[in-house]
Amino acid sequence: MPDEVFLLDDREVVITRSWQVHCDGDGILGHPREFITLEPRGEAVCKYCGRRFLHVSTPAAEEARRSVQPVAPPLASAGGR
């Protein structure tokens, strides 16, 4: 299953199956690539841009799916973003 991206409170939320992800801020300016390991509770936040990562197994991921609409089609990346 590819990653899912949602917008919640003006911040991107990425729901992923991976426990290790990376974030580079996307876009032209972006930021340095940060490699992130999700915490045991299945969540992490990028220190540069605030993008939130949730593991699919967390209740927070289900809540995000119910609360918001996707902002992009699922991403086809195997290692997160």
Protein backbone atom coordinates (compact mmCIF):
# COMPACT_ATOMS: atom_id res chain seq x y z
CA MET A 1 0.00 0.00 0.00
CA PRO A 2 1.45 3.39 -0.96
CA ASP A 3 1.67 6.29 1.46
CA GLU A 4 -1.41 8.49 1.82
CA VAL A 5 -1.13 12.28 2.21
CA PHE A 6 -3.75 14.41 3.99
CA LEU A 7 -3.98 18.04 5.06
CA LEU A 8 -4.94 18.51 8.70
CA ASP A 9 -4.77 21.90 10.46
CA ASP A 10 -2.73 23.32 7.55
CA ARG A 11 -0.05 20.63 7.92
CA GLU A 12 0.61 17.59 5.78
CA VAL A 13 -0.02 14.24 7.42
CA VAL A 14 1.50 11.16 5.78
CA ILE A 15 0.11 7.73 6.63
CA THR A 16 2.73 5.08 5.91
CA ARG A 17 3.43 1.38 6.37
CA SER A 18 7.12 2.09 6.95
CA TRP A 19 8.66 2.66 10.38
CA GLN A 20 11.53 4.57 8.76
CA VAL A 21 10.77 7.47 6.43
CA HIS A 22 12.51 10.49 5.00
CA CYS A 23 11.38 14.03 4.28
CA ASP A 24 12.97 16.64 2.01
CA GLY A 25 10.18 19.21 2.07
CA ASP A 26 9.26 18.61 -1.58
CA GLY A 27 9.03 21.56 -3.92
CA ILE A 28 11.76 23.71 -5.38
CA LEU A 29 13.15 25.09 -2.13
CA GLY A 30 12.50 22.11 0.15
CA HIS A 31 14.97 21.42 2.96
CA PRO A 32 17.83 19.01 3.72
CA ARG A 33 16.72 15.39 3.62
CA GLU A 34 15.89 14.17 7.12
CA PHE A 35 15.75 10.46 7.86
CA ILE A 36 13.14 9.76 10.52
CA THR A 37 12.32 6.68 12.58
CA LEU A 38 8.76 6.68 13.84
CA GLU A 39 8.45 6.54 17.62
CA PRO A 40 7.10 3.35 19.25
CA ARG A 41 3.62 4.88 19.28
CA GLY A 42 3.89 5.19 15.47
CA GLU A 43 4.27 8.93 15.01
CA ALA A 44 6.99 11.41 14.06
CA VAL A 45 7.26 15.01 12.87
CA CYS A 46 9.82 16.49 10.48
CA LYS A 47 11.87 19.08 12.36
CA TYR A 48 12.20 21.28 9.26
CA CYS A 49 8.72 21.52 7.80
CA GLY A 50 6.42 19.99 10.43
CA ARG A 51 5.12 17.21 8.17
CA ARG A 52 3.59 14.57 10.42
CA PHE A 53 4.11 10.86 9.75
CA LEU A 54 1.72 8.24 11.13
CA HIS A 55 2.08 4.48 10.90
CA VAL A 56 -1.02 2.78 9.46
CA SER A 57 -1.42 0.74 12.67
CA THR A 58 -2.06 3.79 14.87
CA PRO A 59 -5.47 5.04 15.95
CA ALA A 60 -4.29 8.52 14.89
CA ALA A 61 -4.01 7.28 11.29
CA GLU A 62 -7.62 6.12 11.28
CA GLU A 63 -8.72 9.40 12.83
CA ALA A 64 -6.86 11.36 10.12
CA ARG A 65 -8.56 9.31 7.40
CA ARG A 66 -11.99 10.01 8.89
CA SER A 67 -11.36 13.70 9.56
CA VAL A 68 -9.89 14.98 6.32
CA GLN A 69 -9.77 14.53 2.58
CA PRO A 70 -6.63 13.40 0.76
CA VAL A 71 -4.61 16.22 -0.81
CA ALA A 72 -2.83 13.94 -3.28
CA PRO A 73 -3.18 10.47 -4.69
CA PRO A 74 -1.29 7.79 -2.74
CA LEU A 75 2.46 8.02 -3.19
CA ALA A 76 4.19 5.04 -4.74
CA SER A 77 7.30 5.23 -2.58
CA ALA A 78 8.48 2.16 -0.72
CA GLY A 79 10.57 3.94 1.89
CA GLY A 80 8.26 6.73 2.93
CA ARG A 81 8.96 10.31 1.95
